[in-house]
Amino acid sequence: MESLFDRVRKSARYIKKQVKMKKPTYGLVLGSGLGGLADRISIKGRIPYSDIEGFPVSTVEGIHAGNLILGELGGKRIVAMEGRVHYYEGYTMKEVTYPVRVMKALGAKSLILTSAVGGMNPQFEPGDLIVITDHINLMGDNPLIGPNDERLGPRFPDMSQPYNRNYITRIEKVALDLGIPLKRGVLAAVAGPNLETAAEYRFMRRIGADIVGMSMVPENIAAVHAGMKVLGVSVVTDEALPDCLEPADIKEIIKVARKGEKKLCRLMIEFLKRL
């Protein structure tokens, strides 16, 4: 069998043949309801995931477009995932994080992750933007489990700074200059796809989480393993307060995410411009 390293390189070679441009410097993952940022990219090429050998294809209809985009945003060369796949779709952790490996192989040295999340911190409201300072992996799995290939990264990667502190400081300065409120938060990642019970929300708050989602953490771990700098920004789409919990409306959650993406677009474009 081909190694993960060889499969990743094969996918990267295919992409390079399809799109002629210099190496991208930044990778970008567009989360649920946040695909509008793709419309701001000066696109050099767009490839459906289904055309790239080894790429997982999203099964969440109407939310994740499922294309790899190469082009420019904020004056920087980027490779962007127009939608992601999730662990709850039945993919392995290595499959979920495969696109991150390919981004690295294409030349990306940094990874920007976005997502829609539930807000457990009572100071957070739907529509708020949160820069991730740390995370708690409650997914019960890890993309690094199994034999390690040193060509992809070290056996025991350090996680003392999973989200680059310099990037956090920079994006907070950009947000301040643009007048966009940006809060800090710790992300708890769960497997999903069901939303959490009141008791689970209460537990996560007590162990230090401010927001909860079903993505980002596996991608972060793979990126850190690969030596990439990571920035994470999430949009709060619903209040996850255990003492006044109400049934979740997925359509409303996506609607709130799409409202938040307008602020996210401005923030990300200016952040990239200043790097």
C-alpha atoms as a PDB file:
ATOM      1  CA  MET A   1       0.000   0.000   0.000  1.00  0.00           C
ATOM      2  CA  GLU A   2       1.066   3.577  -0.683  1.00  0.00           C
ATOM      3  CA  SER A   3       2.049   5.561   2.382  1.00  0.00           C
ATOM      4  CA  LEU A   4       0.071   8.631   3.453  1.00  0.00           C
ATOM      5  CA  PHE A   5       3.089  10.727   2.484  1.00  0.00           C
ATOM      6  CA  ASP A   6       3.076   9.342  -1.064  1.00  0.00           C
ATOM      7  CA  ARG A   7      -0.693   9.739  -1.479  1.00  0.00           C
ATOM      8  CA  VAL A   8      -0.496  13.344  -0.328  1.00  0.00           C
ATOM      9  CA  ARG A   9       2.289  14.087  -2.800  1.00  0.00           C
ATOM     10  CA  LYS A  10       0.322  12.469  -5.607  1.00  0.00           C
ATOM     11  CA  SER A  11      -2.713  14.656  -4.855  1.00  0.00           C
ATOM     12  CA  ALA A  12      -0.518  17.760  -4.728  1.00  0.00           C
ATOM     13  CA  ARG A  13       1.056  16.915  -8.114  1.00  0.00           C
ATOM     14  CA  TYR A  14      -2.399  16.523  -9.675  1.00  0.00           C
ATOM     15  CA  ILE A  15      -3.529  19.903  -8.326  1.00  0.00           C
ATOM     16  CA  LYS A  16      -0.382  21.618  -9.616  1.00  0.00           C
ATOM     17  CA  LYS A  17      -1.053  20.215 -13.086  1.00  0.00           C
ATOM     18  CA  GLN A  18      -4.619  21.553 -13.061  1.00  0.00           C
ATOM     19  CA  VAL A  19      -3.829  25.050 -11.797  1.00  0.00           C
ATOM     20  CA  LYS A  20      -0.754  26.966 -12.906  1.00  0.00           C
ATOM     21  CA  MET A  21       0.222  29.421 -10.169  1.00  0.00           C
ATOM     22  CA  LYS A  22       3.068  29.997  -7.724  1.00  0.00           C
ATOM     23  CA  LYS A  23       3.008  28.130  -4.431  1.00  0.00           C
ATOM     24  CA  PRO A  24       0.256  29.247  -2.053  1.00  0.00           C
ATOM     25  CA  THR A  25       1.515  30.621   1.249  1.00  0.00           C
ATOM     26  CA  TYR A  26      -1.693  30.248   3.243  1.00  0.00           C
ATOM     27  CA  GLY A  27      -4.313  27.536   3.567  1.00  0.00           C
ATOM     28  CA  LEU A  28      -7.907  28.499   4.370  1.00  0.00           C
ATOM     29  CA  VAL A  29     -10.790  26.293   5.499  1.00  0.00           C
ATOM     30  CA  LEU A  30     -14.286  27.751   5.110  1.00  0.00           C
ATOM     31  CA  GLY A  31     -16.734  26.326   7.647  1.00  0.00           C
ATOM     32  CA  SER A  32     -20.503  25.841   7.754  1.00  0.00           C
ATOM     33  CA  GLY A  33     -22.361  28.852   6.364  1.00  0.00           C
ATOM     34  CA  LEU A  34     -19.089  30.710   5.757  1.00  0.00           C
ATOM     35  CA  GLY A  35     -18.509  29.860   2.111  1.00  0.00           C
ATOM     36  CA  GLY A  36     -19.187  33.444   1.021  1.00  0.00           C
ATOM     37  CA  LEU A  37     -15.555  34.313   1.576  1.00  0.00           C
ATOM     38  CA  ALA A  38     -14.825  32.216  -1.520  1.00  0.00           C
ATOM     39  CA  ASP A  39     -16.574  34.880  -3.610  1.00  0.00           C
ATOM     40  CA  ARG A  40     -13.897  37.390  -2.577  1.00  0.00           C
ATOM     41  CA  ILE A  41     -11.031  35.243  -3.828  1.00  0.00           C
ATOM     42  CA  SER A  42      -9.360  36.096  -7.127  1.00  0.00           C
ATOM     43  CA  ILE A  43      -9.624  32.531  -8.400  1.00  0.00           C
ATOM     44  CA  LYS A  44      -6.932  30.919 -10.537  1.00  0.00           C
ATOM     45  CA  GLY A  45      -8.550  27.492 -10.386  1.00  0.00           C
ATOM     46  CA  ARG A  46     -11.387  25.565  -8.725  1.00  0.00           C
ATOM     47  CA  ILE A  47     -11.265  21.767  -8.470  1.00  0.00           C
ATOM     48  CA  PRO A  48     -14.102  19.607  -7.071  1.00  0.00           C
ATOM     49  CA  TYR A  49     -12.912  17.363  -4.249  1.00  0.00           C
ATOM     50  CA  SER A  50     -14.302  14.396  -6.156  1.00  0.00           C
ATOM     51  CA  ASP A  51     -11.695  14.989  -8.906  1.00  0.00           C
ATOM     52  CA  ILE A  52      -8.754  14.758  -6.485  1.00  0.00           C
ATOM     53  CA  GLU A  53      -7.693  11.223  -5.641  1.00  0.00           C
ATOM     54  CA  GLY A  54      -7.732  10.685  -1.890  1.00  0.00           C
ATOM     55  CA  PHE A  55      -9.862  13.738  -1.067  1.00  0.00           C
ATOM     56  CA  PRO A  56     -12.946  13.075   1.072  1.00  0.00           C
ATOM     57  CA  VAL A  57     -16.230  14.483  -0.272  1.00  0.00           C
ATOM     58  CA  SER A  58     -18.728  16.256   1.973  1.00  0.00           C
ATOM     59  CA  THR A  59     -22.053  14.506   2.517  1.00  0.00           C
ATOM     60  CA  VAL A  60     -23.699  17.530   4.183  1.00  0.00           C
ATOM     61  CA  GLU A  61     -25.913  18.851   1.402  1.00  0.00           C
ATOM     62  CA  GLY A  62     -26.443  22.559   0.826  1.00  0.00           C
ATOM     63  CA  ILE A  63     -23.821  23.710   3.348  1.00  0.00           C
ATOM     64  CA  HIS A  64     -20.411  22.643   2.022  1.00  0.00           C
ATOM     65  CA  ALA A  65     -19.722  23.236  -1.680  1.00  0.00           C
ATOM     66  CA  GLY A  66     -16.841  20.772  -1.861  1.00  0.00           C
ATOM     67  CA  ASN A  67     -14.247  22.568  -4.004  1.00  0.00           C
ATOM     68  CA  LEU A  68     -10.563  23.309  -3.651  1.00  0.00           C
ATOM     69  CA  ILE A  69      -9.812  26.878  -4.723  1.00  0.00           C
ATOM     70  CA  LEU A  70      -6.421  28.324  -5.625  1.00  0.00           C
ATOM     71  CA  GLY A  71      -5.998  32.045  -6.063  1.00  0.00           C
ATOM     72  CA  GLU A  72      -5.369  35.284  -4.201  1.00  0.00           C
ATOM     73  CA  LEU A  73      -7.068  36.930  -1.238  1.00  0.00           C
ATOM     74  CA  GLY A  74      -5.859  40.089   0.445  1.00  0.00           C
ATOM     75  CA  GLY A  75      -2.898  40.118  -1.909  1.00  0.00           C
ATOM     76  CA  LYS A  76      -1.680  36.713  -0.707  1.00  0.00           C
ATOM     77  CA  ARG A  77      -1.573  33.412  -2.600  1.00  0.00           C
ATOM     78  CA  ILE A  78      -3.920  30.936  -0.954  1.00  0.00           C
ATOM     79  CA  VAL A  79      -5.374  27.468  -1.281  1.00  0.00           C
ATOM     80  CA  ALA A  80      -8.884  27.332   0.165  1.00  0.00           C
ATOM     81  CA  MET A  81     -11.296  24.564   1.037  1.00  0.00           C
ATOM     82  CA  GLU A  82     -14.779  25.644   0.006  1.00  0.00           C
ATOM     83  CA  GLY A  83     -16.390  23.479   2.666  1.00  0.00           C
ATOM     84  CA  ARG A  84     -14.924  20.723   4.848  1.00  0.00           C
ATOM     85  CA  VAL A  85     -15.761  17.169   5.832  1.00  0.00           C
ATOM     86  CA  HIS A  86     -16.489  16.088   9.396  1.00  0.00           C
ATOM     87  CA  TYR A  87     -15.663  13.076  11.532  1.00  0.00           C
ATOM     88  CA  TYR A  88     -19.396  12.426  12.052  1.00  0.00           C
ATOM     89  CA  GLU A  89     -19.814  11.772   8.317  1.00  0.00           C
ATOM     90  CA  GLY A  90     -18.055   8.451   8.831  1.00  0.00           C
ATOM     91  CA  TYR A  91     -14.587   9.425   7.659  1.00  0.00           C
ATOM     92  CA  THR A  92     -11.494   8.500   9.634  1.00  0.00           C
ATOM     93  CA  MET A  93      -9.465  11.245  11.279  1.00  0.00           C
ATOM     94  CA  LYS A  94      -6.726  10.748   8.681  1.00  0.00           C
ATOM     95  CA  GLU A  95      -9.296  11.266   5.913  1.00  0.00           C
ATOM     96  CA  VAL A  96     -10.733  14.379   7.591  1.00  0.00           C
ATOM     97  CA  THR A  97      -7.267  15.921   7.810  1.00  0.00           C
ATOM     98  CA  TYR A  98      -6.008  14.740   4.420  1.00  0.00           C
ATOM     99  CA  PRO A  99      -6.704  18.118   2.731  1.00  0.00           C
ATOM    100  CA  VAL A 100      -4.565  19.883   5.353  1.00  0.00           C
ATOM    101  CA  ARG A 101      -1.676  17.573   4.456  1.00  0.00           C
ATOM    102  CA  VAL A 102      -2.162  18.404   0.783  1.00  0.00           C
ATOM    103  CA  MET A 103      -2.217  22.158   1.503  1.00  0.00           C
ATOM    104  CA  LYS A 104       1.130  21.777   3.245  1.00  0.00           C
ATOM    105  CA  ALA A 105       2.501  19.779   0.294  1.00  0.00           C
ATOM    106  CA  LEU A 106       1.381  22.547  -2.069  1.00  0.00           C
ATOM    107  CA  GLY A 107       3.485  25.037  -0.121  1.00  0.00           C
ATOM    108  CA  ALA A 108       1.174  26.530   2.527  1.00  0.00           C
ATOM    109  CA  LYS A 109       3.094  27.410   5.683  1.00  0.00           C
ATOM    110  CA  SER A 110       0.093  28.682   7.648  1.00  0.00           C
ATOM    111  CA  LEU A 111      -3.504  27.533   8.050  1.00  0.00           C
ATOM    112  CA  ILE A 112      -6.548  29.683   8.765  1.00  0.00           C
ATOM    113  CA  LEU A 113      -9.517  27.735  10.134  1.00  0.00           C
ATOM    114  CA  THR A 114     -13.089  29.024  10.341  1.00  0.00           C
ATOM    115  CA  SER A 115     -16.214  27.398  11.728  1.00  0.00           C
ATOM    116  CA  ALA A 116     -19.696  27.884  13.131  1.00  0.00           C
ATOM    117  CA  VAL A 117     -19.967  27.146  16.857  1.00  0.00           C
ATOM    118  CA  GLY A 118     -22.342  27.132  19.789  1.00  0.00           C
ATOM    119  CA  GLY A 119     -21.659  29.758  22.445  1.00  0.00           C
ATOM    120  CA  MET A 120     -21.527  28.434  26.004  1.00  0.00           C
ATOM    121  CA  ASN A 121     -19.986  31.559  27.502  1.00  0.00           C
ATOM    122  CA  PRO A 122     -22.921  33.759  28.630  1.00  0.00           C
ATOM    123  CA  GLN A 123     -21.003  36.823  27.436  1.00  0.00           C
ATOM    124  CA  PHE A 124     -21.146  35.556  23.842  1.00  0.00           C
ATOM    125  CA  GLU A 125     -24.104  36.264  21.540  1.00  0.00           C
ATOM    126  CA  PRO A 126     -25.151  34.847  18.144  1.00  0.00           C
ATOM    127  CA  GLY A 127     -23.144  36.587  15.421  1.00  0.00           C
ATOM    128  CA  ASP A 128     -20.076  37.212  17.608  1.00  0.00           C
ATOM    129  CA  LEU A 129     -16.651  36.455  16.155  1.00  0.00           C
ATOM    130  CA  ILE A 130     -14.308  34.466  18.389  1.00  0.00           C
ATOM    131  CA  VAL A 131     -10.569  34.064  17.902  1.00  0.00           C
ATOM    132  CA  ILE A 132      -9.534  30.665  19.241  1.00  0.00           C
ATOM    133  CA  THR A 133      -6.784  30.733  21.874  1.00  0.00           C
ATOM    134  CA  ASP A 134      -6.810  27.026  22.768  1.00  0.00           C
ATOM    135  CA  HIS A 135      -8.916  23.892  22.448  1.00  0.00           C
ATOM    136  CA  ILE A 136     -10.111  20.765  24.254  1.00  0.00           C
ATOM    137  CA  ASN A 137     -10.367  17.588  22.172  1.00  0.00           C
ATOM    138  CA  LEU A 138     -13.476  15.660  23.262  1.00  0.00           C
ATOM    139  CA  MET A 139     -13.896  13.818  19.962  1.00  0.00           C
ATOM    140  CA  GLY A 140     -12.493  10.553  21.288  1.00  0.00           C
ATOM    141  CA  ASP A 141      -9.995  10.244  18.453  1.00  0.00           C
ATOM    142  CA  ASN A 142      -6.872  11.856  17.034  1.00  0.00           C
ATOM    143  CA  PRO A 143      -5.505  12.046  13.456  1.00  0.00           C
ATOM    144  CA  LEU A 144      -1.995  11.135  14.671  1.00  0.00           C
ATOM    145  CA  ILE A 145      -2.925   7.743  16.108  1.00  0.00           C
ATOM    146  CA  GLY A 146      -1.055   4.938  14.351  1.00  0.00           C
ATOM    147  CA  PRO A 147       2.458   4.641  12.896  1.00  0.00           C
ATOM    148  CA  ASN A 148       4.155   8.000  12.457  1.00  0.00           C
ATOM    149  CA  ASP A 149       5.884   9.099   9.254  1.00  0.00           C
ATOM    150  CA  GLU A 150       8.661  11.543  10.150  1.00  0.00           C
ATOM    151  CA  ARG A 151       8.375  13.059   6.668  1.00  0.00           C
ATOM    152  CA  LEU A 152       4.966  14.431   7.702  1.00  0.00           C
ATOM    153  CA  GLY A 153       5.898  15.487  11.235  1.00  0.00           C
ATOM    154  CA  PRO A 154       7.319  14.359  14.605  1.00  0.00           C
ATOM    155  CA  ARG A 155       5.936  11.478  16.666  1.00  0.00           C
ATOM    156  CA  PHE A 156       5.126  13.753  19.617  1.00  0.00           C
ATOM    157  CA  PRO A 157       4.293  17.269  18.351  1.00  0.00           C
ATOM    158  CA  ASP A 158       4.266  20.039  20.946  1.00  0.00           C
ATOM    159  CA  MET A 159       0.847  21.630  21.553  1.00  0.00           C
ATOM    160  CA  SER A 160       1.829  24.458  23.899  1.00  0.00           C
ATOM    161  CA  GLN A 161       0.813  26.952  21.182  1.00  0.00           C
ATOM    162  CA  PRO A 162      -1.791  25.264  18.947  1.00  0.00           C
ATOM    163  CA  TYR A 163      -3.026  28.663  17.749  1.00  0.00           C
ATOM    164  CA  ASN A 164      -0.229  31.082  16.888  1.00  0.00           C
ATOM    165  CA  ARG A 165      -0.064  33.855  19.477  1.00  0.00           C
ATOM    166  CA  ASN A 166       1.411  36.348  17.040  1.00  0.00           C
ATOM    167  CA  TYR A 167      -1.501  35.755  14.652  1.00  0.00           C
ATOM    168  CA  ILE A 168      -3.975  36.201  17.520  1.00  0.00           C
ATOM    169  CA  THR A 169      -2.412  39.542  18.441  1.00  0.00           C
ATOM    170  CA  ARG A 170      -2.343  40.660  14.809  1.00  0.00           C
ATOM    171  CA  ILE A 171      -5.973  39.822  14.076  1.00  0.00           C
ATOM    172  CA  GLU A 172      -7.102  41.516  17.280  1.00  0.00           C
ATOM    173  CA  LYS A 173      -5.313  44.686  16.126  1.00  0.00           C
ATOM    174  CA  VAL A 174      -7.016  44.410  12.716  1.00  0.00           C
ATOM    175  CA  ALA A 175     -10.421  43.935  14.367  1.00  0.00           C
ATOM    176  CA  LEU A 176      -9.842  46.972  16.583  1.00  0.00           C
ATOM    177  CA  ASP A 177      -8.872  49.129  13.598  1.00  0.00           C
ATOM    178  CA  LEU A 178     -11.929  47.985  11.623  1.00  0.00           C
ATOM    179  CA  GLY A 179     -14.302  48.410  14.556  1.00  0.00           C
ATOM    180  CA  ILE A 180     -15.260  44.723  14.481  1.00  0.00           C
ATOM    181  CA  PRO A 181     -15.830  43.187  17.939  1.00  0.00           C
ATOM    182  CA  LEU A 182     -13.608  40.115  18.348  1.00  0.00           C
ATOM    183  CA  LYS A 183     -13.598  38.017  21.504  1.00  0.00           C
ATOM    184  CA  ARG A 184     -11.220  35.314  22.714  1.00  0.00           C
ATOM    185  CA  GLY A 185     -12.381  31.785  23.475  1.00  0.00           C
ATOM    186  CA  VAL A 186     -11.432  28.173  24.127  1.00  0.00           C
ATOM    187  CA  LEU A 187     -13.004  25.655  21.740  1.00  0.00           C
ATOM    188  CA  ALA A 188     -14.294  22.243  22.796  1.00  0.00           C
ATOM    189  CA  ALA A 189     -14.562  19.816  19.873  1.00  0.00           C
ATOM    190  CA  VAL A 190     -17.106  16.981  19.944  1.00  0.00           C
ATOM    191  CA  ALA A 191     -17.782  14.193  17.478  1.00  0.00           C
ATOM    192  CA  GLY A 192     -21.418  15.066  16.699  1.00  0.00           C
ATOM    193  CA  PRO A 193     -23.611  15.048  14.697  1.00  0.00           C
ATOM    194  CA  ASN A 194     -26.187  15.530  17.468  1.00  0.00           C
ATOM    195  CA  LEU A 195     -26.083  18.758  19.400  1.00  0.00           C
ATOM    196  CA  GLU A 196     -25.244  18.507  23.077  1.00  0.00           C
ATOM    197  CA  THR A 197     -27.398  17.984  26.153  1.00  0.00           C
ATOM    198  CA  ALA A 198     -27.671  20.583  28.914  1.00  0.00           C
ATOM    199  CA  ALA A 199     -25.508  18.400  31.151  1.00  0.00           C
ATOM    200  CA  GLU A 200     -22.816  18.187  28.455  1.00  0.00           C
ATOM    201  CA  TYR A 201     -22.796  21.962  27.988  1.00  0.00           C
ATOM    202  CA  ARG A 202     -22.502  22.409  31.750  1.00  0.00           C
ATOM    203  CA  PHE A 203     -19.598  19.936  31.855  1.00  0.00           C
ATOM    204  CA  MET A 204     -17.718  21.675  29.039  1.00  0.00           C
ATOM    205  CA  ARG A 205     -18.087  25.074  30.677  1.00  0.00           C
ATOM    206  CA  ARG A 206     -16.695  23.686  33.921  1.00  0.00           C
ATOM    207  CA  ILE A 207     -13.580  22.332  32.225  1.00  0.00           C
ATOM    208  CA  GLY A 208     -12.844  25.685  30.602  1.00  0.00           C
ATOM    209  CA  ALA A 209     -14.544  25.785  27.193  1.00  0.00           C
ATOM    210  CA  ASP A 210     -16.305  28.885  25.852  1.00  0.00           C
ATOM    211  CA  ILE A 211     -17.578  27.506  22.543  1.00  0.00           C
ATOM    212  CA  VAL A 212     -18.291  24.079  21.091  1.00  0.00           C
ATOM    213  CA  GLY A 213     -18.097  22.691  17.562  1.00  0.00           C
ATOM    214  CA  MET A 214     -17.673  19.520  15.514  1.00  0.00           C
ATOM    215  CA  SER A 215     -14.570  20.469  13.539  1.00  0.00           C
ATOM    216  CA  MET A 216     -11.318  22.494  13.534  1.00  0.00           C
ATOM    217  CA  VAL A 217      -9.443  20.502  16.189  1.00  0.00           C
ATOM    218  CA  PRO A 218      -8.429  17.534  13.964  1.00  0.00           C
ATOM    219  CA  GLU A 219      -7.289  19.982  11.278  1.00  0.00           C
ATOM    220  CA  ASN A 220      -5.369  21.980  13.872  1.00  0.00           C
ATOM    221  CA  ILE A 221      -3.581  18.884  15.180  1.00  0.00           C
ATOM    222  CA  ALA A 222      -2.564  17.794  11.669  1.00  0.00           C
ATOM    223  CA  ALA A 223      -1.370  21.314  10.823  1.00  0.00           C
ATOM    224  CA  VAL A 224       0.709  21.646  13.998  1.00  0.00           C
ATOM    225  CA  HIS A 225       2.145  18.187  13.317  1.00  0.00           C
ATOM    226  CA  ALA A 226       3.147  19.433   9.859  1.00  0.00           C
ATOM    227  CA  GLY A 227       4.847  22.532  11.284  1.00  0.00           C
ATOM    228  CA  MET A 228       2.202  25.022  10.132  1.00  0.00           C
ATOM    229  CA  LYS A 229       1.168  28.154  12.023  1.00  0.00           C
ATOM    230  CA  VAL A 230      -2.569  28.131  12.753  1.00  0.00           C
ATOM    231  CA  LEU A 231      -5.193  30.826  13.252  1.00  0.00           C
ATOM    232  CA  GLY A 232      -8.750  29.888  14.206  1.00  0.00           C
ATOM    233  CA  VAL A 233     -11.789  32.174  14.042  1.00  0.00           C
ATOM    234  CA  SER A 234     -15.351  31.021  14.710  1.00  0.00           C
ATOM    235  CA  VAL A 235     -18.802  32.567  14.398  1.00  0.00           C
ATOM    236  CA  VAL A 236     -21.198  31.972  17.304  1.00  0.00           C
ATOM    237  CA  THR A 237     -24.453  30.799  15.734  1.00  0.00           C
ATOM    238  CA  ASP A 238     -26.536  29.865  18.786  1.00  0.00           C
ATOM    239  CA  GLU A 239     -26.569  30.145  22.559  1.00  0.00           C
ATOM    240  CA  ALA A 240     -25.708  26.893  24.328  1.00  0.00           C
ATOM    241  CA  LEU A 241     -26.704  27.880  27.849  1.00  0.00           C
ATOM    242  CA  PRO A 242     -27.697  24.793  29.892  1.00  0.00           C
ATOM    243  CA  ASP A 243     -30.091  26.561  32.256  1.00  0.00           C
ATOM    244  CA  CYS A 244     -32.235  28.016  29.461  1.00  0.00           C
ATOM    245  CA  LEU A 245     -31.631  25.550  26.635  1.00  0.00           C
ATOM    246  CA  GLU A 246     -34.066  25.581  23.723  1.00  0.00           C
ATOM    247  CA  PRO A 247     -34.360  23.254  20.698  1.00  0.00           C
ATOM    248  CA  ALA A 248     -31.805  24.078  18.008  1.00  0.00           C
ATOM    249  CA  ASP A 249     -32.950  25.217  14.564  1.00  0.00           C
ATOM    250  CA  ILE A 250     -30.271  24.244  12.019  1.00  0.00           C
ATOM    251  CA  LYS A 251     -31.692  26.599   9.379  1.00  0.00           C
ATOM    252  CA  GLU A 252     -31.475  29.492  11.834  1.00  0.00           C
ATOM    253  CA  ILE A 253     -27.919  28.465  12.789  1.00  0.00           C
ATOM    254  CA  ILE A 254     -26.807  28.627   9.148  1.00  0.00           C
ATOM    255  CA  LYS A 255     -28.643  31.930   8.692  1.00  0.00           C
ATOM    256  CA  VAL A 256     -26.750  33.469  11.629  1.00  0.00           C
ATOM    257  CA  ALA A 257     -23.455  32.092  10.294  1.00  0.00           C
ATOM    258  CA  ARG A 258     -24.040  33.763   6.938  1.00  0.00           C
ATOM    259  CA  LYS A 259     -24.720  37.090   8.648  1.00  0.00           C
ATOM    260  CA  GLY A 260     -21.508  36.726  10.618  1.00  0.00           C
ATOM    261  CA  GLU A 261     -19.483  35.940   7.509  1.00  0.00           C
ATOM    262  CA  LYS A 262     -19.774  39.568   6.327  1.00  0.00           C
ATOM    263  CA  LYS A 263     -17.681  40.670   9.302  1.00  0.00           C
ATOM    264  CA  LEU A 264     -15.446  37.635   8.902  1.00  0.00           C
ATOM    265  CA  CYS A 265     -14.738  38.501   5.248  1.00  0.00           C
ATOM    266  CA  ARG A 266     -13.603  42.024   6.105  1.00  0.00           C
ATOM    267  CA  LEU A 267     -11.496  40.764   8.984  1.00  0.00           C
ATOM    268  CA  MET A 268      -9.751  37.993   7.044  1.00  0.00           C
ATOM    269  CA  ILE A 269      -9.004  40.096   3.966  1.00  0.00           C
ATOM    270  CA  GLU A 270      -7.442  42.874   6.034  1.00  0.00           C
ATOM    271  CA  PHE A 271      -5.556  40.347   8.191  1.00  0.00           C
ATOM    272  CA  LEU A 272      -3.990  38.812   5.086  1.00  0.00           C
ATOM    273  CA  LYS A 273      -3.179  42.222   3.621  1.00  0.00           C
ATOM    274  CA  ARG A 274      -1.155  43.164   6.704  1.00  0.00           C
ATOM    275  CA  LEU A 275       0.833  39.954   7.008  1.00  0.00           C
END
